[in-house]
Amino acid sequence: MKSLLIRLALPLFLVATASADWVIESNVASAKANGVLVIKVKGDKMRMDIPNERIGAVSSIVDTKTGDTLQIVHAQKAAMKIDGEAMKKMVANSRDKAGFKDGAAGELKATGEKEKVGEYDCEIYTWSNGTVSKKFSVAKNHPQEAVLKDLEKRMRSGFLGGMQMGPDTTTLPGTVIKTETTSPAGNTSSVITAVKEQELDPKDFEVPEGYQTVAPPVPPAAK
């Protein structure tokens, strides 16, 4: 479950402006998850509700200042707390398995190709790092372009800034609304379908009532 959350969530990490709560919805397709990914952001807290083909709906709630994370399996009514330092190690391990090379940022390249995603005309850009490659469909004149770019910039300057598994797409001439990722872990496609400003309940970012909090697994001792 943890590696699935990392693979799906990191390319989509967003943090909202201080004055508003936001909900971002995306259609996600991969070998392990198909359906609607919902990201909710309130202040420094971010919640991702992720469909999972094997264990049902899961949620990941992150404090973007500290990196402390709650991972919730709703079918089991269980929540696992992971501190920021442990999350760093998990992400580093995921990056290593994906063949991500630190210090080799990769270059965003315009392909000259175009496609229509939903109602938006998009230009296609590509990027690669080690064995990880991405294709971005970039829409110009998206009504939420300023919001989405601000969210990404703020995330990249926070605790999770060094935990990204992709390039800084805020430099592109438009809004990335479709991302296709290819890596040894498999292929993932995500398409942003809605960006909504709405007031969120602080309880959305806590362990749900009636759920049991369990300790994270202890990593094996180094040999």
N, C-alpha and C. Protein backbone atom coordinates (compact mmCIF):
# COMPACT_ATOMS: atom_id res chain seq x y z
N MET A 1 0.82 -1.20 0.00
CA MET A 1 0.00 0.00 0.00
C MET A 1 0.86 1.25 0.00
N LYS A 2 1.92 1.26 0.81
CA LYS A 2 2.74 2.46 0.92
C LYS A 2 3.36 2.84 -0.40
N SER A 3 3.91 1.85 -1.12
CA SER A 3 4.56 2.18 -2.39
C SER A 3 3.53 2.67 -3.40
N LEU A 4 2.31 2.14 -3.35
CA LEU A 4 1.26 2.61 -4.26
C LEU A 4 0.94 4.06 -3.98
N LEU A 5 0.79 4.43 -2.72
CA LEU A 5 0.49 5.81 -2.38
C LEU A 5 1.57 6.75 -2.87
N ILE A 6 2.82 6.35 -2.70
CA ILE A 6 3.92 7.18 -3.15
C ILE A 6 3.89 7.35 -4.65
N ARG A 7 3.71 6.26 -5.40
CA ARG A 7 3.75 6.36 -6.86
C ARG A 7 2.62 7.22 -7.40
N LEU A 8 1.45 7.12 -6.80
CA LEU A 8 0.32 7.89 -7.30
C LEU A 8 0.35 9.32 -6.82
N ALA A 9 0.71 9.51 -5.56
CA ALA A 9 0.54 10.82 -4.98
C ALA A 9 1.64 11.81 -5.32
N LEU A 10 2.88 11.37 -5.35
CA LEU A 10 3.96 12.33 -5.53
C LEU A 10 3.86 13.14 -6.80
N PRO A 11 3.49 12.57 -7.95
CA PRO A 11 3.38 13.42 -9.12
C PRO A 11 2.26 14.44 -9.02
N LEU A 12 1.38 14.26 -8.05
CA LEU A 12 0.22 15.13 -7.97
C LEU A 12 0.24 16.03 -6.73
N PHE A 13 1.30 16.02 -5.94
CA PHE A 13 1.33 16.79 -4.71
C PHE A 13 1.07 18.25 -4.98
N LEU A 14 0.10 18.81 -4.30
CA LEU A 14 -0.26 20.21 -4.45
C LEU A 14 -0.53 20.78 -3.06
N VAL A 15 -0.22 22.06 -2.88
CA VAL A 15 -0.53 22.73 -1.62
C VAL A 15 -1.25 24.03 -1.94
N ALA A 16 -2.33 24.30 -1.23
CA ALA A 16 -3.18 25.43 -1.58
C ALA A 16 -2.66 26.75 -1.03
N THR A 17 -3.17 27.84 -1.59
CA THR A 17 -2.88 29.15 -1.05
C THR A 17 -3.45 29.23 0.35
N ALA A 18 -2.86 30.11 1.18
CA ALA A 18 -3.20 30.14 2.59
C ALA A 18 -4.66 30.53 2.83
N SER A 19 -5.26 31.24 1.91
CA SER A 19 -6.58 31.81 2.15
C SER A 19 -7.73 30.92 1.67
N ALA A 20 -7.43 29.74 1.13
CA ALA A 20 -8.51 28.95 0.56
C ALA A 20 -8.26 27.47 0.74
N ASP A 21 -9.35 26.70 0.77
CA ASP A 21 -9.29 25.25 0.72
C ASP A 21 -9.58 24.83 -0.73
N TRP A 22 -8.96 23.72 -1.14
CA TRP A 22 -9.09 23.29 -2.53
C TRP A 22 -9.37 21.80 -2.62
N VAL A 23 -10.09 21.42 -3.66
CA VAL A 23 -10.31 20.02 -3.99
C VAL A 23 -9.91 19.83 -5.45
N ILE A 24 -8.99 18.89 -5.71
CA ILE A 24 -8.54 18.59 -7.07
C ILE A 24 -8.91 17.15 -7.36
N GLU A 25 -9.64 16.92 -8.45
CA GLU A 25 -10.05 15.58 -8.83
C GLU A 25 -9.34 15.16 -10.11
N SER A 26 -8.89 13.92 -10.16
CA SER A 26 -8.20 13.38 -11.33
C SER A 26 -8.69 11.96 -11.60
N ASN A 27 -8.75 11.61 -12.87
CA ASN A 27 -8.98 10.22 -13.25
C ASN A 27 -7.63 9.53 -13.35
N VAL A 28 -7.46 8.44 -12.62
CA VAL A 28 -6.19 7.72 -12.55
C VAL A 28 -6.35 6.32 -13.10
N ALA A 29 -5.37 5.89 -13.88
CA ALA A 29 -5.38 4.53 -14.41
C ALA A 29 -3.98 3.93 -14.27
N SER A 30 -3.89 2.77 -13.65
CA SER A 30 -2.63 2.05 -13.51
C SER A 30 -2.96 0.58 -13.28
N ALA A 31 -1.92 -0.23 -13.11
CA ALA A 31 -2.16 -1.65 -12.90
C ALA A 31 -2.86 -1.93 -11.57
N LYS A 32 -2.69 -1.03 -10.59
CA LYS A 32 -3.22 -1.28 -9.26
C LYS A 32 -4.35 -0.34 -8.86
N ALA A 33 -4.54 0.74 -9.59
CA ALA A 33 -5.56 1.71 -9.20
C ALA A 33 -6.23 2.28 -10.44
N ASN A 34 -7.55 2.25 -10.43
CA ASN A 34 -8.33 2.84 -11.51
C ASN A 34 -9.53 3.54 -10.90
N GLY A 35 -9.71 4.80 -11.25
CA GLY A 35 -10.84 5.53 -10.71
C GLY A 35 -10.49 6.98 -10.48
N VAL A 36 -11.20 7.59 -9.55
CA VAL A 36 -11.04 9.02 -9.28
C VAL A 36 -10.14 9.22 -8.06
N LEU A 37 -9.05 9.94 -8.25
CA LEU A 37 -8.18 10.37 -7.17
C LEU A 37 -8.63 11.75 -6.73
N VAL A 38 -8.89 11.93 -5.44
CA VAL A 38 -9.33 13.22 -4.91
C VAL A 38 -8.27 13.75 -3.95
N ILE A 39 -7.78 14.96 -4.22
CA ILE A 39 -6.83 15.62 -3.34
C ILE A 39 -7.54 16.79 -2.67
N LYS A 40 -7.51 16.81 -1.34
CA LYS A 40 -8.09 17.91 -0.57
C LYS A 40 -6.97 18.64 0.16
N VAL A 41 -7.01 19.97 0.12
CA VAL A 41 -5.96 20.75 0.74
C VAL A 41 -6.56 21.83 1.63
N LYS A 42 -6.09 21.85 2.88
CA LYS A 42 -6.54 22.87 3.84
C LYS A 42 -5.33 23.32 4.63
N GLY A 43 -4.89 24.55 4.41
CA GLY A 43 -3.70 25.04 5.10
C GLY A 43 -2.49 24.19 4.76
N ASP A 44 -1.85 23.65 5.79
CA ASP A 44 -0.66 22.82 5.59
C ASP A 44 -0.99 21.33 5.49
N LYS A 45 -2.27 20.99 5.50
CA LYS A 45 -2.66 19.58 5.46
C LYS A 45 -3.18 19.21 4.06
N MET A 46 -2.82 18.02 3.63
CA MET A 46 -3.26 17.51 2.34
C MET A 46 -3.76 16.08 2.51
N ARG A 47 -4.90 15.79 1.91
CA ARG A 47 -5.47 14.44 1.96
C ARG A 47 -5.66 13.94 0.54
N MET A 48 -5.24 12.69 0.30
CA MET A 48 -5.43 12.05 -0.99
C MET A 48 -6.28 10.80 -0.80
N ASP A 49 -7.42 10.76 -1.46
CA ASP A 49 -8.28 9.58 -1.45
C ASP A 49 -8.04 8.83 -2.75
N ILE A 50 -7.55 7.59 -2.62
CA ILE A 50 -7.01 6.85 -3.76
C ILE A 50 -7.76 5.53 -3.94
N PRO A 51 -8.26 5.25 -5.14
CA PRO A 51 -8.88 3.93 -5.38
C PRO A 51 -7.81 2.86 -5.51
N ASN A 52 -8.07 1.69 -4.95
CA ASN A 52 -7.10 0.60 -5.01
C ASN A 52 -7.84 -0.67 -5.41
N GLU A 53 -7.36 -1.32 -6.47
CA GLU A 53 -8.04 -2.49 -7.00
C GLU A 53 -8.03 -3.67 -6.03
N ARG A 54 -7.01 -3.73 -5.17
CA ARG A 54 -6.84 -4.91 -4.31
C ARG A 54 -7.49 -4.76 -2.94
N ILE A 55 -7.31 -3.60 -2.31
CA ILE A 55 -7.77 -3.45 -0.92
C ILE A 55 -8.85 -2.39 -0.76
N GLY A 56 -9.36 -1.84 -1.86
CA GLY A 56 -10.40 -0.83 -1.76
C GLY A 56 -9.83 0.56 -1.55
N ALA A 57 -10.67 1.47 -1.14
CA ALA A 57 -10.26 2.88 -1.01
C ALA A 57 -9.24 3.05 0.11
N VAL A 58 -8.21 3.83 -0.18
CA VAL A 58 -7.21 4.18 0.82
C VAL A 58 -7.04 5.69 0.80
N SER A 59 -6.59 6.24 1.92
CA SER A 59 -6.35 7.68 2.03
C SER A 59 -4.98 7.92 2.63
N SER A 60 -4.35 9.00 2.21
CA SER A 60 -3.08 9.42 2.77
C SER A 60 -3.21 10.88 3.16
N ILE A 61 -2.95 11.18 4.43
CA ILE A 61 -3.06 12.54 4.94
C ILE A 61 -1.68 13.00 5.36
N VAL A 62 -1.22 14.12 4.78
CA VAL A 62 0.16 14.57 4.96
C VAL A 62 0.18 15.97 5.58
N ASP A 63 1.03 16.16 6.59
CA ASP A 63 1.36 17.49 7.08
C ASP A 63 2.53 17.97 6.24
N THR A 64 2.31 18.95 5.37
CA THR A 64 3.33 19.34 4.41
C THR A 64 4.48 20.11 5.04
N LYS A 65 4.35 20.51 6.30
CA LYS A 65 5.46 21.16 7.00
C LYS A 65 6.41 20.13 7.61
N THR A 66 5.85 19.09 8.21
CA THR A 66 6.67 18.11 8.92
C THR A 66 6.87 16.82 8.15
N GLY A 67 5.99 16.55 7.19
CA GLY A 67 6.05 15.28 6.46
C GLY A 67 5.35 14.14 7.18
N ASP A 68 4.86 14.39 8.41
CA ASP A 68 4.13 13.34 9.14
C ASP A 68 2.91 12.92 8.32
N THR A 69 2.68 11.61 8.27
CA THR A 69 1.67 11.07 7.36
C THR A 69 0.78 10.06 8.06
N LEU A 70 -0.51 10.11 7.73
CA LEU A 70 -1.46 9.06 8.12
C LEU A 70 -1.84 8.29 6.88
N GLN A 71 -1.70 6.98 6.91
CA GLN A 71 -2.15 6.15 5.80
C GLN A 71 -3.31 5.29 6.31
N ILE A 72 -4.45 5.42 5.61
CA ILE A 72 -5.69 4.85 6.10
C ILE A 72 -6.24 3.83 5.09
N VAL A 73 -6.56 2.64 5.60
CA VAL A 73 -7.24 1.61 4.80
C VAL A 73 -8.68 1.54 5.31
N HIS A 74 -9.61 2.02 4.50
CA HIS A 74 -10.99 2.16 4.99
C HIS A 74 -11.68 0.82 5.20
N ALA A 75 -11.41 -0.16 4.36
CA ALA A 75 -12.06 -1.46 4.53
C ALA A 75 -11.69 -2.11 5.86
N GLN A 76 -10.49 -1.83 6.34
CA GLN A 76 -10.02 -2.40 7.60
C GLN A 76 -10.23 -1.45 8.78
N LYS A 77 -10.69 -0.24 8.49
CA LYS A 77 -10.85 0.80 9.51
C LYS A 77 -9.57 0.94 10.33
N ALA A 78 -8.46 1.04 9.61
CA ALA A 78 -7.15 1.12 10.25
C ALA A 78 -6.39 2.33 9.73
N ALA A 79 -5.64 2.98 10.62
CA ALA A 79 -4.81 4.14 10.26
C ALA A 79 -3.40 3.92 10.79
N MET A 80 -2.41 4.13 9.94
CA MET A 80 -1.02 3.95 10.32
C MET A 80 -0.31 5.30 10.30
N LYS A 81 0.33 5.66 11.40
CA LYS A 81 1.05 6.92 11.49
C LYS A 81 2.51 6.72 11.12
N ILE A 82 3.03 7.58 10.23
CA ILE A 82 4.42 7.51 9.80
C ILE A 82 5.02 8.90 9.94
N ASP A 83 6.13 9.01 10.67
CA ASP A 83 6.71 10.35 10.85
C ASP A 83 7.47 10.79 9.60
N GLY A 84 7.81 12.07 9.56
CA GLY A 84 8.41 12.66 8.38
C GLY A 84 9.72 12.02 7.97
N GLU A 85 10.56 11.68 8.93
CA GLU A 85 11.84 11.08 8.59
C GLU A 85 11.66 9.69 7.98
N ALA A 86 10.70 8.94 8.51
CA ALA A 86 10.43 7.62 7.94
C ALA A 86 9.87 7.76 6.52
N MET A 87 9.02 8.79 6.29
CA MET A 87 8.49 9.02 4.96
C MET A 87 9.61 9.34 3.97
N LYS A 88 10.58 10.13 4.40
CA LYS A 88 11.72 10.44 3.54
C LYS A 88 12.42 9.17 3.08
N LYS A 89 12.63 8.25 4.02
CA LYS A 89 13.31 7.00 3.69
C LYS A 89 12.47 6.16 2.73
N MET A 90 11.16 6.12 2.95
CA MET A 90 10.29 5.36 2.07
C MET A 90 10.32 5.90 0.65
N VAL A 91 10.27 7.24 0.54
CA VAL A 91 10.29 7.85 -0.79
C VAL A 91 11.64 7.63 -1.46
N ALA A 92 12.73 7.75 -0.69
CA ALA A 92 14.05 7.50 -1.25
C ALA A 92 14.15 6.08 -1.79
N ASN A 93 13.58 5.12 -1.06
CA ASN A 93 13.59 3.73 -1.51
C ASN A 93 12.76 3.57 -2.78
N SER A 94 11.61 4.25 -2.84
CA SER A 94 10.77 4.19 -4.03
C SER A 94 11.49 4.80 -5.23
N ARG A 95 12.19 5.91 -5.02
CA ARG A 95 12.94 6.55 -6.09
C ARG A 95 14.04 5.62 -6.60
N ASP A 96 14.73 4.94 -5.67
CA ASP A 96 15.80 4.02 -6.07
C ASP A 96 15.24 2.87 -6.90
N LYS A 97 14.12 2.31 -6.47
CA LYS A 97 13.52 1.20 -7.21
C LYS A 97 13.06 1.62 -8.60
N ALA A 98 12.67 2.90 -8.71
CA ALA A 98 12.20 3.39 -10.01
C ALA A 98 13.35 3.80 -10.91
N GLY A 99 14.59 3.72 -10.41
CA GLY A 99 15.74 4.10 -11.22
C GLY A 99 15.96 5.59 -11.31
N PHE A 100 15.37 6.34 -10.37
CA PHE A 100 15.50 7.80 -10.38
C PHE A 100 16.91 8.19 -9.97
N LYS A 101 17.55 9.06 -10.78
CA LYS A 101 18.93 9.46 -10.52
C LYS A 101 18.97 10.88 -9.96
N ASP A 102 19.40 11.01 -8.70
CA ASP A 102 19.57 12.33 -8.11
C ASP A 102 20.69 13.07 -8.82
N GLY A 103 20.48 14.38 -8.96
CA GLY A 103 21.50 15.19 -9.63
C GLY A 103 21.37 15.18 -11.14
N ALA A 104 20.42 14.40 -11.66
CA ALA A 104 20.17 14.37 -13.11
C ALA A 104 18.74 14.79 -13.35
N ALA A 105 18.52 16.08 -13.30
CA ALA A 105 17.16 16.61 -13.27
C ALA A 105 16.37 16.27 -14.53
N GLY A 106 17.04 16.17 -15.65
CA GLY A 106 16.33 15.92 -16.90
C GLY A 106 15.77 17.21 -17.46
N GLU A 107 15.51 17.23 -18.74
CA GLU A 107 15.05 18.44 -19.41
C GLU A 107 13.66 18.21 -19.99
N LEU A 108 12.79 19.18 -19.76
CA LEU A 108 11.47 19.14 -20.38
C LEU A 108 11.61 19.49 -21.85
N LYS A 109 11.10 18.63 -22.72
CA LYS A 109 11.27 18.82 -24.15
C LYS A 109 9.92 18.93 -24.85
N ALA A 110 9.78 19.94 -25.71
CA ALA A 110 8.58 20.08 -26.53
C ALA A 110 8.67 19.09 -27.68
N THR A 111 7.62 18.32 -27.89
CA THR A 111 7.62 17.34 -28.97
C THR A 111 7.05 17.90 -30.27
N GLY A 112 6.32 19.02 -30.17
CA GLY A 112 5.63 19.55 -31.34
C GLY A 112 4.30 18.88 -31.60
N GLU A 113 4.00 17.84 -30.82
CA GLU A 113 2.73 17.12 -30.98
C GLU A 113 1.63 17.80 -30.16
N LYS A 114 0.39 17.58 -30.59
CA LYS A 114 -0.75 18.16 -29.89
C LYS A 114 -1.83 17.10 -29.72
N GLU A 115 -2.68 17.29 -28.71
CA GLU A 115 -3.83 16.43 -28.51
C GLU A 115 -4.90 17.20 -27.76
N LYS A 116 -6.10 16.72 -27.83
CA LYS A 116 -7.20 17.33 -27.10
C LYS A 116 -7.51 16.46 -25.90
N VAL A 117 -7.48 17.06 -24.71
CA VAL A 117 -7.81 16.35 -23.47
C VAL A 117 -9.06 17.01 -22.91
N GLY A 118 -10.17 16.28 -22.95
CA GLY A 118 -11.43 16.89 -22.56
C GLY A 118 -11.75 18.04 -23.49
N GLU A 119 -11.96 19.21 -22.94
CA GLU A 119 -12.28 20.38 -23.75
C GLU A 119 -11.04 21.23 -24.08
N TYR A 120 -9.87 20.76 -23.67
CA TYR A 120 -8.66 21.58 -23.81
C TYR A 120 -7.74 21.08 -24.92
N ASP A 121 -7.27 22.02 -25.72
CA ASP A 121 -6.23 21.75 -26.71
C ASP A 121 -4.88 21.79 -26.01
N CYS A 122 -4.10 20.73 -26.15
CA CYS A 122 -2.87 20.59 -25.39
C CYS A 122 -1.65 20.40 -26.30
N GLU A 123 -0.51 20.89 -25.81
CA GLU A 123 0.78 20.62 -26.43
C GLU A 123 1.50 19.60 -25.56
N ILE A 124 2.26 18.69 -26.18
CA ILE A 124 2.86 17.58 -25.46
C ILE A 124 4.35 17.82 -25.22
N TYR A 125 4.75 17.61 -23.97
CA TYR A 125 6.16 17.71 -23.56
C TYR A 125 6.57 16.37 -22.94
N THR A 126 7.86 16.07 -23.03
CA THR A 126 8.37 14.83 -22.43
C THR A 126 9.53 15.14 -21.49
N TRP A 127 9.82 14.17 -20.63
CA TRP A 127 10.89 14.31 -19.64
C TRP A 127 11.32 12.91 -19.23
N SER A 128 12.61 12.74 -18.90
CA SER A 128 13.07 11.44 -18.42
C SER A 128 14.21 11.61 -17.42
N ASN A 129 14.33 10.63 -16.54
CA ASN A 129 15.39 10.58 -15.55
C ASN A 129 15.63 9.11 -15.25
N GLY A 130 16.83 8.61 -15.60
CA GLY A 130 17.10 7.20 -15.39
C GLY A 130 16.11 6.35 -16.17
N THR A 131 15.42 5.46 -15.48
CA THR A 131 14.43 4.61 -16.14
C THR A 131 13.00 5.15 -15.99
N VAL A 132 12.88 6.38 -15.52
CA VAL A 132 11.57 7.02 -15.36
C VAL A 132 11.35 8.01 -16.49
N SER A 133 10.22 7.93 -17.17
CA SER A 133 9.89 8.90 -18.21
C SER A 133 8.46 9.37 -18.03
N LYS A 134 8.21 10.60 -18.44
CA LYS A 134 6.88 11.18 -18.31
C LYS A 134 6.50 11.92 -19.58
N LYS A 135 5.21 11.95 -19.86
CA LYS A 135 4.67 12.73 -20.95
C LYS A 135 3.59 13.64 -20.38
N PHE A 136 3.69 14.93 -20.68
CA PHE A 136 2.77 15.92 -20.13
C PHE A 136 1.95 16.55 -21.25
N SER A 137 0.64 16.61 -21.05
CA SER A 137 -0.25 17.33 -21.96
C SER A 137 -0.57 18.67 -21.31
N VAL A 138 -0.14 19.74 -21.96
CA VAL A 138 -0.17 21.08 -21.38
C VAL A 138 -1.24 21.93 -22.06
N ALA A 139 -2.20 22.41 -21.29
CA ALA A 139 -3.29 23.23 -21.82
C ALA A 139 -3.00 24.70 -21.55
N LYS A 140 -3.14 25.51 -22.57
CA LYS A 140 -3.03 26.95 -22.40
C LYS A 140 -4.41 27.52 -22.07
N ASN A 141 -4.42 28.62 -21.35
CA ASN A 141 -5.66 29.32 -21.00
C ASN A 141 -6.60 28.49 -20.14
N HIS A 142 -6.04 27.59 -19.31
CA HIS A 142 -6.86 26.87 -18.34
C HIS A 142 -7.34 27.86 -17.28
N PRO A 143 -8.61 27.85 -16.90
CA PRO A 143 -9.11 28.84 -15.95
C PRO A 143 -8.45 28.80 -14.58
N GLN A 144 -7.86 27.66 -14.20
CA GLN A 144 -7.21 27.54 -12.90
C GLN A 144 -5.69 27.45 -13.02
N GLU A 145 -5.13 27.96 -14.10
CA GLU A 145 -3.69 27.85 -14.31
C GLU A 145 -2.90 28.50 -13.18
N ALA A 146 -3.26 29.72 -12.80
CA ALA A 146 -2.51 30.43 -11.76
C ALA A 146 -2.57 29.68 -10.44
N VAL A 147 -3.74 29.15 -10.11
CA VAL A 147 -3.90 28.41 -8.86
C VAL A 147 -3.03 27.17 -8.85
N LEU A 148 -3.11 26.37 -9.92
CA LEU A 148 -2.38 25.11 -9.97
C LEU A 148 -0.87 25.33 -9.93
N LYS A 149 -0.39 26.36 -10.62
CA LYS A 149 1.05 26.62 -10.61
C LYS A 149 1.51 27.11 -9.24
N ASP A 150 0.70 27.90 -8.58
CA ASP A 150 1.06 28.36 -7.24
C ASP A 150 1.10 27.20 -6.27
N LEU A 151 0.16 26.28 -6.41
CA LEU A 151 0.15 25.12 -5.53
C LEU A 151 1.43 24.29 -5.68
N GLU A 152 1.83 24.05 -6.92
CA GLU A 152 3.03 23.24 -7.14
C GLU A 152 4.28 23.95 -6.63
N LYS A 153 4.36 25.27 -6.85
CA LYS A 153 5.53 26.01 -6.38
C LYS A 153 5.66 25.95 -4.86
N ARG A 154 4.53 26.07 -4.18
CA ARG A 154 4.57 26.03 -2.72
C ARG A 154 4.95 24.65 -2.23
N MET A 155 4.48 23.60 -2.89
CA MET A 155 4.87 22.25 -2.49
C MET A 155 6.36 22.04 -2.68
N ARG A 156 6.90 22.50 -3.77
CA ARG A 156 8.31 22.28 -4.05
C ARG A 156 9.23 23.05 -3.12
N SER A 157 8.70 24.06 -2.44
CA SER A 157 9.52 24.81 -1.50
C SER A 157 9.36 24.29 -0.07
N GLY A 158 8.48 23.33 0.15
CA GLY A 158 8.20 22.82 1.49
C GLY A 158 8.98 21.56 1.81
N PHE A 159 8.52 20.86 2.86
CA PHE A 159 9.18 19.64 3.34
C PHE A 159 9.32 18.61 2.24
N LEU A 160 8.30 18.51 1.40
CA LEU A 160 8.28 17.47 0.39
C LEU A 160 8.97 17.89 -0.90
N GLY A 161 9.59 19.07 -0.89
CA GLY A 161 10.23 19.56 -2.12
C GLY A 161 11.29 18.62 -2.67
N GLY A 162 12.05 17.98 -1.79
CA GLY A 162 13.09 17.07 -2.23
C GLY A 162 12.61 15.66 -2.48
N MET A 163 11.30 15.44 -2.40
CA MET A 163 10.75 14.10 -2.53
C MET A 163 9.99 13.91 -3.83
N GLN A 164 10.12 14.87 -4.74
CA GLN A 164 9.40 14.79 -6.00
C GLN A 164 10.04 13.75 -6.93
N MET A 165 9.23 13.16 -7.77
CA MET A 165 9.72 12.21 -8.77
C MET A 165 9.34 12.71 -10.16
N GLY A 166 9.64 13.98 -10.38
CA GLY A 166 9.34 14.59 -11.67
C GLY A 166 9.90 15.99 -11.74
N PRO A 167 9.81 16.63 -12.91
CA PRO A 167 10.38 17.96 -13.11
C PRO A 167 9.47 19.06 -12.59
N ASP A 168 9.98 20.28 -12.57
CA ASP A 168 9.20 21.45 -12.20
C ASP A 168 8.39 21.87 -13.42
N THR A 169 7.11 21.53 -13.43
CA THR A 169 6.29 21.82 -14.61
C THR A 169 5.72 23.23 -14.60
N THR A 170 6.03 24.02 -13.56
CA THR A 170 5.54 25.40 -13.54
C THR A 170 6.23 26.25 -14.59
N THR A 171 7.32 25.74 -15.16
CA THR A 171 8.04 26.50 -16.21
C THR A 171 7.38 26.33 -17.57
N LEU A 172 6.44 25.41 -17.68
CA LEU A 172 5.80 25.17 -18.97
C LEU A 172 4.78 26.26 -19.30
N PRO A 173 4.54 26.50 -20.59
CA PRO A 173 3.62 27.57 -21.00
C PRO A 173 2.16 27.16 -20.94
N GLY A 174 1.70 26.80 -19.75
CA GLY A 174 0.33 26.36 -19.59
C GLY A 174 0.21 25.44 -18.39
N THR A 175 -0.92 24.76 -18.31
CA THR A 175 -1.23 23.90 -17.18
C THR A 175 -1.17 22.44 -17.59
N VAL A 176 -0.44 21.62 -16.83
CA VAL A 176 -0.42 20.18 -17.09
C VAL A 176 -1.73 19.58 -16.59
N ILE A 177 -2.52 19.04 -17.50
CA ILE A 177 -3.78 18.42 -17.07
C ILE A 177 -3.76 16.90 -17.28
N LYS A 178 -2.76 16.41 -18.02
CA LYS A 178 -2.62 14.97 -18.18
C LYS A 178 -1.15 14.59 -18.04
N THR A 179 -0.89 13.57 -17.23
CA THR A 179 0.47 13.08 -17.02
C THR A 179 0.49 11.57 -17.22
N GLU A 180 1.41 11.11 -18.05
CA GLU A 180 1.61 9.67 -18.26
C GLU A 180 3.02 9.33 -17.81
N THR A 181 3.14 8.39 -16.88
CA THR A 181 4.42 8.02 -16.30
C THR A 181 4.75 6.57 -16.64
N THR A 182 5.98 6.34 -17.07
CA THR A 182 6.47 4.99 -17.34
C THR A 182 7.71 4.75 -16.48
N SER A 183 7.72 3.66 -15.73
CA SER A 183 8.85 3.32 -14.87
C SER A 183 8.87 1.81 -14.67
N PRO A 184 9.94 1.28 -14.06
CA PRO A 184 9.95 -0.16 -13.78
C PRO A 184 8.79 -0.62 -12.90
N ALA A 185 8.20 0.33 -12.15
CA ALA A 185 7.06 -0.02 -11.30
C ALA A 185 5.77 -0.15 -12.08
N GLY A 186 5.77 0.28 -13.35
CA GLY A 186 4.57 0.19 -14.16
C GLY A 186 4.20 1.52 -14.78
N ASN A 187 3.07 1.55 -15.47
CA ASN A 187 2.60 2.75 -16.14
C ASN A 187 1.42 3.35 -15.39
N THR A 188 1.41 4.68 -15.30
CA THR A 188 0.33 5.39 -14.63
C THR A 188 -0.10 6.57 -15.48
N SER A 189 -1.40 6.76 -15.59
CA SER A 189 -1.94 7.92 -16.30
C SER A 189 -2.87 8.67 -15.36
N SER A 190 -2.77 10.01 -15.33
CA SER A 190 -3.68 10.81 -14.51
C SER A 190 -4.11 12.03 -15.29
N VAL A 191 -5.40 12.35 -15.21
CA VAL A 191 -5.97 13.50 -15.91
C VAL A 191 -6.77 14.33 -14.91
N ILE A 192 -6.39 15.60 -14.74
CA ILE A 192 -7.13 16.49 -13.85
C ILE A 192 -8.47 16.81 -14.49
N THR A 193 -9.53 16.58 -13.74
CA THR A 193 -10.88 16.81 -14.28
C THR A 193 -11.60 17.96 -13.59
N ALA A 194 -11.16 18.34 -12.37
CA ALA A 194 -11.84 19.42 -11.67
C ALA A 194 -10.92 20.05 -10.64
N VAL A 195 -11.01 21.37 -10.50
CA VAL A 195 -10.28 22.11 -9.47
C VAL A 195 -11.31 23.03 -8.82
N LYS A 196 -11.62 22.77 -7.54
CA LYS A 196 -12.72 23.48 -6.90
C LYS A 196 -12.26 24.12 -5.59
N GLU A 197 -12.64 25.36 -5.39
CA GLU A 197 -12.41 26.03 -4.12
C GLU A 197 -13.64 25.82 -3.26
N GLN A 198 -13.46 25.19 -2.08
CA GLN A 198 -14.59 24.97 -1.18
C GLN A 198 -14.09 24.78 0.24
N GLU A 199 -14.91 25.14 1.20
CA GLU A 199 -14.51 25.02 2.60
C GLU A 199 -14.53 23.55 3.01
N LEU A 200 -13.44 23.12 3.65
CA LEU A 200 -13.30 21.72 4.04
C LEU A 200 -13.36 21.58 5.56
N ASP A 201 -13.89 20.46 6.01
CA ASP A 201 -13.99 20.16 7.44
C ASP A 201 -12.63 19.71 7.96
N PRO A 202 -12.10 20.35 9.03
CA PRO A 202 -10.82 19.91 9.60
C PRO A 202 -10.79 18.43 9.95
N LYS A 203 -11.94 17.84 10.24
CA LYS A 203 -11.99 16.41 10.59
C LYS A 203 -11.59 15.52 9.41
N ASP A 204 -11.65 16.07 8.18
CA ASP A 204 -11.23 15.30 7.01
C ASP A 204 -9.74 14.97 7.07
N PHE A 205 -9.00 15.66 7.95
CA PHE A 205 -7.55 15.50 8.01
C PHE A 205 -7.11 14.84 9.32
N GLU A 206 -8.04 14.11 9.93
CA GLU A 206 -7.77 13.38 11.16
C GLU A 206 -8.14 11.91 10.97
N VAL A 207 -7.72 11.08 11.93
CA VAL A 207 -8.12 9.67 11.90
C VAL A 207 -9.64 9.61 12.07
N PRO A 208 -10.37 8.95 11.18
CA PRO A 208 -11.83 8.88 11.31
C PRO A 208 -12.25 8.21 12.61
N GLU A 209 -13.39 8.65 13.13
CA GLU A 209 -13.93 8.06 14.35
C GLU A 209 -14.20 6.57 14.15
N GLY A 210 -13.81 5.77 15.13
CA GLY A 210 -14.03 4.34 15.06
C GLY A 210 -12.92 3.56 14.37
N TYR A 211 -11.88 4.26 13.88
CA TYR A 211 -10.75 3.59 13.23
C TYR A 211 -9.66 3.31 14.26
N GLN A 212 -8.97 2.21 14.08
CA GLN A 212 -7.88 1.83 14.97
C GLN A 212 -6.56 2.34 14.41
N THR A 213 -5.75 2.94 15.28
CA THR A 213 -4.43 3.40 14.87
C THR A 213 -3.41 2.30 15.13
N VAL A 214 -2.68 1.91 14.10
CA VAL A 214 -1.70 0.82 14.21
C VAL A 214 -0.31 1.38 13.97
N ALA A 215 0.69 0.70 14.53
CA ALA A 215 2.09 1.12 14.38
C ALA A 215 2.60 0.70 13.00
N PRO A 216 3.48 1.52 12.41
CA PRO A 216 4.06 1.12 11.13
C PRO A 216 4.96 -0.09 11.30
N PRO A 217 5.17 -0.86 10.26
CA PRO A 217 6.06 -2.03 10.37
C PRO A 217 7.48 -1.60 10.68
N VAL A 218 8.17 -2.42 11.45
CA VAL A 218 9.57 -2.12 11.77
C VAL A 218 10.45 -2.61 10.64
N PRO A 219 11.31 -1.72 10.08
CA PRO A 219 12.15 -2.16 8.98
C PRO A 219 13.15 -3.22 9.43
N PRO A 220 13.55 -4.13 8.56
CA PRO A 220 14.51 -5.17 8.94
C PRO A 220 15.84 -4.56 9.32
N ALA A 221 16.49 -5.16 10.28
CA ALA A 221 17.79 -4.66 10.72
C ALA A 221 18.83 -4.83 9.63
N ALA A 222 19.72 -3.83 9.51
CA ALA A 222 20.79 -3.90 8.51
C ALA A 222 21.73 -5.03 8.84
N LYS A 223 22.19 -5.73 7.81
CA LYS A 223 23.10 -6.85 8.04
C LYS A 223 24.55 -6.39 7.88
